[in-house]
Full PDB file with SEQRES, HELIX, SHEET, SSBOND, CRYST1, ORIGX, SCALE, CONECT and MASTER records, all heavy atoms in Angstrom:
SEQRES   1 A   36  TYR ILE ASP ALA ASN GLY TYR SER VAL ARG VAL GLY ASN          
SEQRES   2 A   36  THR ASP LEU ALA THR VAL TYR ARG LEU SER VAL VAL ASN          
SEQRES   3 A   36  GLN ASP SER ASP THR VAL LEU MET ALA LEU                      
SHEET    1 AA1 2 ARG A  10  VAL A  11  0                                        
SHEET    2 AA1 2 THR A  14  ASP A  15 -1                                        
SHEET    1 AA2 2 LEU A  22  ASN A  26  0                                        
SHEET    2 AA2 2 THR A  31  ALA A  35 -1                                        
CRYST1    1.000    1.000    1.000  90.00  90.00  90.00 P 1           1          
ORIGX1      1.000000  0.000000  0.000000        0.00000                         
ORIGX2      0.000000  1.000000  0.000000        0.00000                         
ORIGX3      0.000000  0.000000  1.000000        0.00000                         
SCALE1      1.000000  0.000000  0.000000        0.00000                         
SCALE2      0.000000  1.000000  0.000000        0.00000                         
SCALE3      0.000000  0.000000  1.000000        0.00000                         
ATOM      1  N   TYR A   1      -8.846  -9.137   4.346  1.00  0.00           N  
ATOM      2  CA  TYR A   1      -7.552  -9.055   3.607  1.00  0.00           C  
ATOM      3  C   TYR A   1      -6.612  -8.284   4.581  1.00  0.00           C  
ATOM      4  O   TYR A   1      -6.839  -7.122   4.807  1.00  0.00           O  
ATOM      5  CB  TYR A   1      -7.681  -8.323   2.305  1.00  0.00           C  
ATOM      6  CG  TYR A   1      -8.850  -8.896   1.484  1.00  0.00           C  
ATOM      7  CD1 TYR A   1     -10.168  -8.466   1.578  1.00  0.00           C  
ATOM      8  CD2 TYR A   1      -8.627  -9.827   0.524  1.00  0.00           C  
ATOM      9  CE1 TYR A   1     -11.146  -8.928   0.857  1.00  0.00           C  
ATOM     10  CE2 TYR A   1      -9.645 -10.390  -0.300  1.00  0.00           C  
ATOM     11  CZ  TYR A   1     -10.929  -9.871  -0.087  1.00  0.00           C  
ATOM     12  OH  TYR A   1     -11.957 -10.382  -0.815  1.00  0.00           O  
ATOM     13  N   ILE A   2      -5.567  -8.976   5.091  1.00  0.00           N  
ATOM     14  CA  ILE A   2      -4.840  -8.406   6.184  1.00  0.00           C  
ATOM     15  C   ILE A   2      -3.305  -8.309   5.835  1.00  0.00           C  
ATOM     16  O   ILE A   2      -2.586  -7.788   6.693  1.00  0.00           O  
ATOM     17  CB  ILE A   2      -5.051  -9.192   7.479  1.00  0.00           C  
ATOM     18  CG1 ILE A   2      -4.595 -10.643   7.279  1.00  0.00           C  
ATOM     19  CG2 ILE A   2      -6.425  -9.028   7.929  1.00  0.00           C  
ATOM     20  CD1 ILE A   2      -4.602 -11.438   8.569  1.00  0.00           C  
ATOM     21  N   ASP A   3      -2.845  -8.715   4.689  1.00  0.00           N  
ATOM     22  CA  ASP A   3      -1.477  -8.617   4.372  1.00  0.00           C  
ATOM     23  C   ASP A   3      -1.258  -8.605   2.825  1.00  0.00           C  
ATOM     24  O   ASP A   3      -2.266  -8.588   2.077  1.00  0.00           O  
ATOM     25  CB  ASP A   3      -0.641  -9.732   5.029  1.00  0.00           C  
ATOM     26  CG  ASP A   3      -1.143 -11.122   4.687  1.00  0.00           C  
ATOM     27  OD1 ASP A   3      -1.711 -11.299   3.494  1.00  0.00           O  
ATOM     28  OD2 ASP A   3      -1.004 -12.014   5.424  1.00  0.00           O  
ATOM     29  N   ALA A   4      -0.026  -8.685   2.436  1.00  0.00           N  
ATOM     30  CA  ALA A   4       0.305  -8.521   0.979  1.00  0.00           C  
ATOM     31  C   ALA A   4      -0.236  -9.698   0.146  1.00  0.00           C  
ATOM     32  O   ALA A   4      -0.255  -9.666  -1.033  1.00  0.00           O  
ATOM     33  CB  ALA A   4       1.782  -8.352   0.813  1.00  0.00           C  
ATOM     34  N   ASN A   5      -0.587 -10.855   0.802  1.00  0.00           N  
ATOM     35  CA  ASN A   5      -1.240 -11.904   0.068  1.00  0.00           C  
ATOM     36  C   ASN A   5      -2.653 -11.576  -0.375  1.00  0.00           C  
ATOM     37  O   ASN A   5      -3.164 -12.112  -1.296  1.00  0.00           O  
ATOM     38  CB  ASN A   5      -1.316 -13.209   0.961  1.00  0.00           C  
ATOM     39  CG  ASN A   5       0.076 -13.791   1.135  1.00  0.00           C  
ATOM     40  OD1 ASN A   5       0.910 -13.792   0.238  1.00  0.00           O  
ATOM     41  ND2 ASN A   5       0.286 -14.267   2.377  1.00  0.00           N  
ATOM     42  N   GLY A   6      -3.244 -10.580   0.345  1.00  0.00           N  
ATOM     43  CA  GLY A   6      -4.606 -10.237   0.058  1.00  0.00           C  
ATOM     44  C   GLY A   6      -4.818  -8.912  -0.683  1.00  0.00           C  
ATOM     45  O   GLY A   6      -5.887  -8.721  -1.246  1.00  0.00           O  
ATOM     46  N   TYR A   7      -3.760  -8.054  -0.690  1.00  0.00           N  
ATOM     47  CA  TYR A   7      -3.903  -6.763  -1.399  1.00  0.00           C  
ATOM     48  C   TYR A   7      -2.611  -6.293  -1.954  1.00  0.00           C  
ATOM     49  O   TYR A   7      -1.544  -6.675  -1.435  1.00  0.00           O  
ATOM     50  CB  TYR A   7      -4.562  -5.684  -0.425  1.00  0.00           C  
ATOM     51  CG  TYR A   7      -3.828  -5.526   0.888  1.00  0.00           C  
ATOM     52  CD1 TYR A   7      -2.580  -5.041   1.106  1.00  0.00           C  
ATOM     53  CD2 TYR A   7      -4.563  -5.887   2.040  1.00  0.00           C  
ATOM     54  CE1 TYR A   7      -1.987  -4.918   2.261  1.00  0.00           C  
ATOM     55  CE2 TYR A   7      -3.937  -5.768   3.286  1.00  0.00           C  
ATOM     56  CZ  TYR A   7      -2.623  -5.266   3.415  1.00  0.00           C  
ATOM     57  OH  TYR A   7      -2.020  -5.138   4.630  1.00  0.00           O  
ATOM     58  N   SER A   8      -2.601  -5.427  -2.915  1.00  0.00           N  
ATOM     59  CA  SER A   8      -1.481  -4.867  -3.504  1.00  0.00           C  
ATOM     60  C   SER A   8      -1.810  -3.578  -4.270  1.00  0.00           C  
ATOM     61  O   SER A   8      -3.001  -3.292  -4.399  1.00  0.00           O  
ATOM     62  CB  SER A   8      -0.714  -5.850  -4.385  1.00  0.00           C  
ATOM     63  OG  SER A   8      -1.528  -6.221  -5.451  1.00  0.00           O  
ATOM     64  N   VAL A   9      -0.833  -2.970  -4.807  1.00  0.00           N  
ATOM     65  CA  VAL A   9      -1.026  -1.706  -5.544  1.00  0.00           C  
ATOM     66  C   VAL A   9      -1.027  -1.947  -7.080  1.00  0.00           C  
ATOM     67  O   VAL A   9      -0.299  -2.799  -7.575  1.00  0.00           O  
ATOM     68  CB  VAL A   9       0.094  -0.702  -5.254  1.00  0.00           C  
ATOM     69  CG1 VAL A   9      -0.107   0.632  -5.956  1.00  0.00           C  
ATOM     70  CG2 VAL A   9       0.177  -0.357  -3.777  1.00  0.00           C  
ATOM     71  N   ARG A  10      -1.894  -1.295  -7.773  1.00  0.00           N  
ATOM     72  CA  ARG A  10      -1.937  -1.410  -9.230  1.00  0.00           C  
ATOM     73  C   ARG A  10      -2.224   0.059  -9.782  1.00  0.00           C  
ATOM     74  O   ARG A  10      -3.028   0.739  -9.272  1.00  0.00           O  
ATOM     75  CB  ARG A  10      -3.062  -2.316  -9.689  1.00  0.00           C  
ATOM     76  CG  ARG A  10      -3.105  -2.557 -11.219  1.00  0.00           C  
ATOM     77  CD  ARG A  10      -4.237  -3.429 -11.627  1.00  0.00           C  
ATOM     78  NE  ARG A  10      -4.280  -3.663 -13.057  1.00  0.00           N  
ATOM     79  CZ  ARG A  10      -3.875  -4.802 -13.713  1.00  0.00           C  
ATOM     80  NH1 ARG A  10      -3.371  -5.782 -13.000  1.00  0.00           N  
ATOM     81  NH2 ARG A  10      -3.926  -4.913 -15.025  1.00  0.00           N  
ATOM     82  N   VAL A  11      -1.431   0.343 -10.846  1.00  0.00           N  
ATOM     83  CA  VAL A  11      -1.632   1.617 -11.584  1.00  0.00           C  
ATOM     84  C   VAL A  11      -1.878   1.310 -13.019  1.00  0.00           C  
ATOM     85  O   VAL A  11      -1.021   0.732 -13.670  1.00  0.00           O  
ATOM     86  CB  VAL A  11      -0.468   2.581 -11.425  1.00  0.00           C  
ATOM     87  CG1 VAL A  11      -0.668   3.812 -12.249  1.00  0.00           C  
ATOM     88  CG2 VAL A  11      -0.282   2.968  -9.948  1.00  0.00           C  
ATOM     89  N   GLY A  12      -3.024   1.636 -13.585  1.00  0.00           N  
ATOM     90  CA  GLY A  12      -3.359   1.360 -14.967  1.00  0.00           C  
ATOM     91  C   GLY A  12      -3.248  -0.179 -15.242  1.00  0.00           C  
ATOM     92  O   GLY A  12      -3.854  -1.008 -14.506  1.00  0.00           O  
ATOM     93  N   ASN A  13      -2.487  -0.541 -16.205  1.00  0.00           N  
ATOM     94  CA  ASN A  13      -2.299  -1.944 -16.593  1.00  0.00           C  
ATOM     95  C   ASN A  13      -1.209  -2.679 -15.825  1.00  0.00           C  
ATOM     96  O   ASN A  13      -0.868  -3.779 -16.146  1.00  0.00           O  
ATOM     97  CB  ASN A  13      -2.135  -2.123 -18.042  1.00  0.00           C  
ATOM     98  CG  ASN A  13      -3.361  -1.753 -18.857  1.00  0.00           C  
ATOM     99  OD1 ASN A  13      -4.441  -1.936 -18.422  1.00  0.00           O  
ATOM    100  ND2 ASN A  13      -3.176  -1.132 -20.012  1.00  0.00           N  
ATOM    101  N   THR A  14      -0.603  -1.989 -14.835  1.00  0.00           N  
ATOM    102  CA  THR A  14       0.612  -2.489 -14.201  1.00  0.00           C  
ATOM    103  C   THR A  14       0.346  -2.927 -12.765  1.00  0.00           C  
ATOM    104  O   THR A  14      -0.099  -2.189 -11.934  1.00  0.00           O  
ATOM    105  CB  THR A  14       1.685  -1.420 -14.231  1.00  0.00           C  
ATOM    106  OG1 THR A  14       1.922  -0.922 -15.550  1.00  0.00           O  
ATOM    107  CG2 THR A  14       3.026  -1.937 -13.659  1.00  0.00           C  
ATOM    108  N   ASP A  15       0.573  -4.203 -12.563  1.00  0.00           N  
ATOM    109  CA  ASP A  15       0.520  -4.806 -11.205  1.00  0.00           C  
ATOM    110  C   ASP A  15       1.806  -4.548 -10.504  1.00  0.00           C  
ATOM    111  O   ASP A  15       2.864  -4.914 -10.938  1.00  0.00           O  
ATOM    112  CB  ASP A  15       0.210  -6.265 -11.283  1.00  0.00           C  
ATOM    113  CG  ASP A  15      -0.062  -6.964  -9.937  1.00  0.00           C  
ATOM    114  OD1 ASP A  15       0.721  -6.667  -9.005  1.00  0.00           O  
ATOM    115  OD2 ASP A  15      -0.970  -7.722  -9.858  1.00  0.00           O  
ATOM    116  N   LEU A  16       1.799  -3.796  -9.338  1.00  0.00           N  
ATOM    117  CA  LEU A  16       2.966  -3.368  -8.704  1.00  0.00           C  
ATOM    118  C   LEU A  16       3.306  -4.169  -7.433  1.00  0.00           C  
ATOM    119  O   LEU A  16       4.041  -3.751  -6.546  1.00  0.00           O  
ATOM    120  CB  LEU A  16       2.864  -1.870  -8.384  1.00  0.00           C  
ATOM    121  CG  LEU A  16       2.731  -0.929  -9.530  1.00  0.00           C  
ATOM    122  CD1 LEU A  16       2.320   0.490  -9.092  1.00  0.00           C  
ATOM    123  CD2 LEU A  16       3.961  -0.872 -10.361  1.00  0.00           C  
ATOM    124  N   ALA A  17       2.699  -5.349  -7.341  1.00  0.00           N  
ATOM    125  CA  ALA A  17       2.888  -6.162  -6.121  1.00  0.00           C  
ATOM    126  C   ALA A  17       4.347  -6.473  -5.746  1.00  0.00           C  
ATOM    127  O   ALA A  17       4.690  -6.550  -4.544  1.00  0.00           O  
ATOM    128  CB  ALA A  17       2.083  -7.479  -6.285  1.00  0.00           C  
ATOM    129  N   THR A  18       5.218  -6.590  -6.726  1.00  0.00           N  
ATOM    130  CA  THR A  18       6.570  -7.002  -6.483  1.00  0.00           C  
ATOM    131  C   THR A  18       7.463  -5.755  -6.174  1.00  0.00           C  
ATOM    132  O   THR A  18       8.613  -5.932  -5.761  1.00  0.00           O  
ATOM    133  CB  THR A  18       7.185  -7.781  -7.679  1.00  0.00           C  
ATOM    134  OG1 THR A  18       7.202  -6.969  -8.838  1.00  0.00           O  
ATOM    135  CG2 THR A  18       6.398  -8.994  -7.934  1.00  0.00           C  
ATOM    136  N   VAL A  19       7.016  -4.561  -6.449  1.00  0.00           N  
ATOM    137  CA  VAL A  19       7.813  -3.359  -6.296  1.00  0.00           C  
ATOM    138  C   VAL A  19       7.259  -2.269  -5.430  1.00  0.00           C  
ATOM    139  O   VAL A  19       7.902  -1.269  -5.293  1.00  0.00           O  
ATOM    140  CB  VAL A  19       8.234  -2.736  -7.696  1.00  0.00           C  
ATOM    141  CG1 VAL A  19       9.163  -3.727  -8.474  1.00  0.00           C  
ATOM    142  CG2 VAL A  19       6.942  -2.463  -8.548  1.00  0.00           C  
ATOM    143  N   TYR A  20       6.113  -2.515  -4.878  1.00  0.00           N  
ATOM    144  CA  TYR A  20       5.472  -1.513  -3.953  1.00  0.00           C  
ATOM    145  C   TYR A  20       4.941  -2.254  -2.757  1.00  0.00           C  
ATOM    146  O   TYR A  20       4.495  -3.451  -2.785  1.00  0.00           O  
ATOM    147  CB  TYR A  20       4.327  -0.792  -4.634  1.00  0.00           C  
ATOM    148  CG  TYR A  20       4.702   0.536  -5.238  1.00  0.00           C  
ATOM    149  CD1 TYR A  20       5.309   0.630  -6.474  1.00  0.00           C  
ATOM    150  CD2 TYR A  20       4.517   1.719  -4.555  1.00  0.00           C  
ATOM    151  CE1 TYR A  20       5.699   1.822  -7.083  1.00  0.00           C  
ATOM    152  CE2 TYR A  20       4.873   2.918  -5.085  1.00  0.00           C  
ATOM    153  CZ  TYR A  20       5.455   2.959  -6.341  1.00  0.00           C  
ATOM    154  OH  TYR A  20       5.836   4.148  -6.909  1.00  0.00           O  
ATOM    155  N   ARG A  21       4.967  -1.558  -1.602  1.00  0.00           N  
ATOM    156  CA  ARG A  21       4.317  -2.106  -0.415  1.00  0.00           C  
ATOM    157  C   ARG A  21       3.350  -1.003   0.146  1.00  0.00           C  
ATOM    158  O   ARG A  21       3.553   0.210  -0.093  1.00  0.00           O  
ATOM    159  CB  ARG A  21       5.289  -2.521   0.671  1.00  0.00           C  
ATOM    160  CG  ARG A  21       6.157  -1.374   1.197  1.00  0.00           C  
ATOM    161  CD  ARG A  21       7.162  -1.863   2.214  1.00  0.00           C  
ATOM    162  NE  ARG A  21       8.089  -0.785   2.662  1.00  0.00           N  
ATOM    163  CZ  ARG A  21       7.774   0.014   3.710  1.00  0.00           C  
ATOM    164  NH1 ARG A  21       6.679  -0.126   4.399  1.00  0.00           N  
ATOM    165  NH2 ARG A  21       8.595   0.965   4.056  1.00  0.00           N  
ATOM    166  N   LEU A  22       2.309  -1.501   0.844  1.00  0.00           N  
ATOM    167  CA  LEU A  22       1.417  -0.546   1.494  1.00  0.00           C  
ATOM    168  C   LEU A  22       1.686  -0.414   2.946  1.00  0.00           C  
ATOM    169  O   LEU A  22       1.869  -1.470   3.688  1.00  0.00           O  
ATOM    170  CB  LEU A  22      -0.059  -1.025   1.220  1.00  0.00           C  
ATOM    171  CG  LEU A  22      -0.532  -0.878  -0.203  1.00  0.00           C  
ATOM    172  CD1 LEU A  22      -1.690  -1.858  -0.551  1.00  0.00           C  
ATOM    173  CD2 LEU A  22      -1.022   0.542  -0.423  1.00  0.00           C  
ATOM    174  N   SER A  23       1.715   0.719   3.433  1.00  0.00           N  
ATOM    175  CA  SER A  23       2.161   1.002   4.822  1.00  0.00           C  
ATOM    176  C   SER A  23       1.266   2.032   5.452  1.00  0.00           C  
ATOM    177  O   SER A  23       1.001   3.089   4.822  1.00  0.00           O  
ATOM    178  CB  SER A  23       3.645   1.411   4.923  1.00  0.00           C  
ATOM    179  OG  SER A  23       4.010   1.590   6.251  1.00  0.00           O  
ATOM    180  N   VAL A  24       0.884   1.827   6.643  1.00  0.00           N  
ATOM    181  CA  VAL A  24       0.090   2.831   7.412  1.00  0.00           C  
ATOM    182  C   VAL A  24       1.020   3.625   8.310  1.00  0.00           C  
ATOM    183  O   VAL A  24       1.744   3.022   9.102  1.00  0.00           O  
ATOM    184  CB  VAL A  24      -0.997   2.160   8.303  1.00  0.00           C  
ATOM    185  CG1 VAL A  24      -1.757   3.175   9.073  1.00  0.00           C  
ATOM    186  CG2 VAL A  24      -2.006   1.383   7.346  1.00  0.00           C  
ATOM    187  N   VAL A  25       1.025   4.912   8.123  1.00  0.00           N  
ATOM    188  CA  VAL A  25       1.945   5.807   8.851  1.00  0.00           C  
ATOM    189  C   VAL A  25       1.154   6.730   9.801  1.00  0.00           C  
ATOM    190  O   VAL A  25       0.314   7.453   9.316  1.00  0.00           O  
ATOM    191  CB  VAL A  25       2.785   6.679   7.800  1.00  0.00           C  
ATOM    192  CG1 VAL A  25       3.757   7.540   8.579  1.00  0.00           C  
ATOM    193  CG2 VAL A  25       3.522   5.712   6.871  1.00  0.00           C  
ATOM    194  N   ASN A  26       1.458   6.630  11.041  1.00  0.00           N  
ATOM    195  CA  ASN A  26       0.765   7.485  12.034  1.00  0.00           C  
ATOM    196  C   ASN A  26       1.469   8.864  12.120  1.00  0.00           C  
ATOM    197  O   ASN A  26       2.728   8.904  12.269  1.00  0.00           O  
ATOM    198  CB  ASN A  26       0.808   6.845  13.426  1.00  0.00           C  
ATOM    199  CG  ASN A  26      -0.022   5.592  13.494  1.00  0.00           C  
ATOM    200  OD1 ASN A  26      -1.113   5.507  12.913  1.00  0.00           O  
ATOM    201  ND2 ASN A  26       0.542   4.640  14.156  1.00  0.00           N  
ATOM    202  N   GLN A  27       0.702   9.903  11.870  1.00  0.00           N  
ATOM    203  CA  GLN A  27       1.190  11.279  11.965  1.00  0.00           C  
ATOM    204  C   GLN A  27       0.597  12.010  13.172  1.00  0.00           C  
ATOM    205  O   GLN A  27      -0.331  11.413  13.830  1.00  0.00           O  
ATOM    206  CB  GLN A  27       0.929  12.049  10.669  1.00  0.00           C  
ATOM    207  CG  GLN A  27       1.546  11.415   9.465  1.00  0.00           C  
ATOM    208  CD  GLN A  27       1.323  12.152   8.152  1.00  0.00           C  
ATOM    209  OE1 GLN A  27       0.359  13.036   8.142  1.00  0.00           O  
ATOM    210  NE2 GLN A  27       2.074  11.883   7.106  1.00  0.00           N  
ATOM    211  N   ASP A  28       0.982  13.204  13.481  1.00  0.00           N  
ATOM    212  CA  ASP A  28       0.498  13.959  14.595  1.00  0.00           C  
ATOM    213  C   ASP A  28      -1.022  14.114  14.535  1.00  0.00           C  
ATOM    214  O   ASP A  28      -1.631  13.956  15.533  1.00  0.00           O  
ATOM    215  CB  ASP A  28       1.226  15.354  14.736  1.00  0.00           C  
ATOM    216  CG  ASP A  28       2.667  15.186  15.079  1.00  0.00           C  
ATOM    217  OD1 ASP A  28       3.035  14.090  15.659  1.00  0.00           O  
ATOM    218  OD2 ASP A  28       3.410  16.083  14.716  1.00  0.00           O  
ATOM    219  N   SER A  29      -1.547  14.514  13.406  1.00  0.00           N  
ATOM    220  CA  SER A  29      -2.913  14.819  13.291  1.00  0.00           C  
ATOM    221  C   SER A  29      -3.688  13.984  12.290  1.00  0.00           C  
ATOM    222  O   SER A  29      -4.859  14.295  11.933  1.00  0.00           O  
ATOM    223  CB  SER A  29      -3.125  16.363  12.957  1.00  0.00           C  
ATOM    224  OG  SER A  29      -2.515  16.586  11.660  1.00  0.00           O  
ATOM    225  N   ASP A  30      -3.038  12.906  11.891  1.00  0.00           N  
ATOM    226  CA  ASP A  30      -3.678  12.079  10.789  1.00  0.00           C  
ATOM    227  C   ASP A  30      -3.010  10.736  10.827  1.00  0.00           C  
ATOM    228  O   ASP A  30      -1.922  10.559  11.326  1.00  0.00           O  
ATOM    229  CB  ASP A  30      -3.553  12.781   9.445  1.00  0.00           C  
ATOM    230  CG  ASP A  30      -4.672  12.327   8.473  1.00  0.00           C  
ATOM    231  OD1 ASP A  30      -5.455  11.449   8.848  1.00  0.00           O  
ATOM    232  OD2 ASP A  30      -4.774  12.935   7.406  1.00  0.00           O  
ATOM    233  N   THR A  31      -3.623   9.790  10.176  1.00  0.00           N  
ATOM    234  CA  THR A  31      -3.022   8.458   9.883  1.00  0.00           C  
ATOM    235  C   THR A  31      -3.169   8.253   8.417  1.00  0.00           C  
ATOM    236  O   THR A  31      -4.276   8.319   7.855  1.00  0.00           O  
ATOM    237  CB  THR A  31      -3.721   7.322  10.712  1.00  0.00           C  
ATOM    238  OG1 THR A  31      -3.604   7.602  12.069  1.00  0.00           O  
ATOM    239  CG2 THR A  31      -3.076   5.998  10.419  1.00  0.00           C  
ATOM    240  N   VAL A  32      -2.025   7.966   7.746  1.00  0.00           N  
ATOM    241  CA  VAL A  32      -2.013   7.971   6.282  1.00  0.00           C  
ATOM    242  C   VAL A  32      -1.558   6.579   5.815  1.00  0.00           C  
ATOM    243  O   VAL A  32      -0.647   5.979   6.284  1.00  0.00           O  
ATOM    244  CB  VAL A  32      -0.974   9.031   5.781  1.00  0.00           C  
ATOM    245  CG1 VAL A  32      -0.939   9.086   4.256  1.00  0.00           C  
ATOM    246  CG2 VAL A  32      -1.326  10.424   6.347  1.00  0.00           C  
ATOM    247  N   LEU A  33      -2.327   6.167   4.737  1.00  0.00           N  
ATOM    248  CA  LEU A  33      -1.922   4.901   3.963  1.00  0.00           C  
ATOM    249  C   LEU A  33      -1.071   5.322   2.836  1.00  0.00           C  
ATOM    250  O   LEU A  33      -1.499   6.086   1.947  1.00  0.00           O  
ATOM    251  CB  LEU A  33      -3.157   4.203   3.492  1.00  0.00           C  
ATOM    252  CG  LEU A  33      -2.991   2.997   2.633  1.00  0.00           C  
ATOM    253  CD1 LEU A  33      -2.224   1.901   3.398  1.00  0.00           C  
ATOM    254  CD2 LEU A  33      -4.286   2.431   2.101  1.00  0.00           C  
ATOM    255  N   MET A  34       0.134   4.811   2.816  1.00  0.00           N  
ATOM    256  CA  MET A  34       1.204   5.088   1.803  1.00  0.00           C  
ATOM    257  C   MET A  34       1.419   3.888   0.923  1.00  0.00           C  
ATOM    258  O   MET A  34       1.501   2.778   1.359  1.00  0.00           O  
ATOM    259  CB  MET A  34       2.459   5.572   2.410  1.00  0.00           C  
ATOM    260  CG  MET A  34       2.324   6.812   3.236  1.00  0.00           C  
ATOM    261  SD  MET A  34       2.098   8.374   2.271  1.00  0.00           S  
ATOM    262  CE  MET A  34       3.535   8.335   1.235  1.00  0.00           C  
ATOM    263  N   ALA A  35       1.643   4.184  -0.354  1.00  0.00           N  
ATOM    264  CA  ALA A  35       2.180   3.155  -1.272  1.00  0.00           C  
ATOM    265  C   ALA A  35       3.713   3.516  -1.497  1.00  0.00           C  
ATOM    266  O   ALA A  35       4.010   4.607  -2.028  1.00  0.00           O  
ATOM    267  CB  ALA A  35       1.472   3.174  -2.642  1.00  0.00           C  
ATOM    268  N   LEU A  36       4.572   2.658  -1.068  1.00  0.00           N  
ATOM    269  CA  LEU A  36       5.989   2.966  -0.983  1.00  0.00           C  
ATOM    270  C   LEU A  36       6.812   2.024  -1.997  1.00  0.00           C  
ATOM    271  O   LEU A  36       6.591   0.783  -1.877  1.00  0.00           O  
ATOM    272  CB  LEU A  36       6.532   2.771   0.389  1.00  0.00           C  
ATOM    273  CG  LEU A  36       5.775   3.684   1.510  1.00  0.00           C  
ATOM    274  CD1 LEU A  36       6.292   3.293   2.854  1.00  0.00           C  
ATOM    275  CD2 LEU A  36       6.062   5.142   1.186  1.00  0.00           C  
TER     276      LEU A  36                                                      
MASTER        0    0    0    0    4    0    0    6  275    1    0    3          
END                                                                             
């Protein structure tokens, strides 16, 4: 699963595919997966 066709964010009973995106952010001492 390599893009938004294969994965998305869900909270409880709410599918957030249309209003959230997943992004990998490189930081100085870490790499963080964010739901934006």
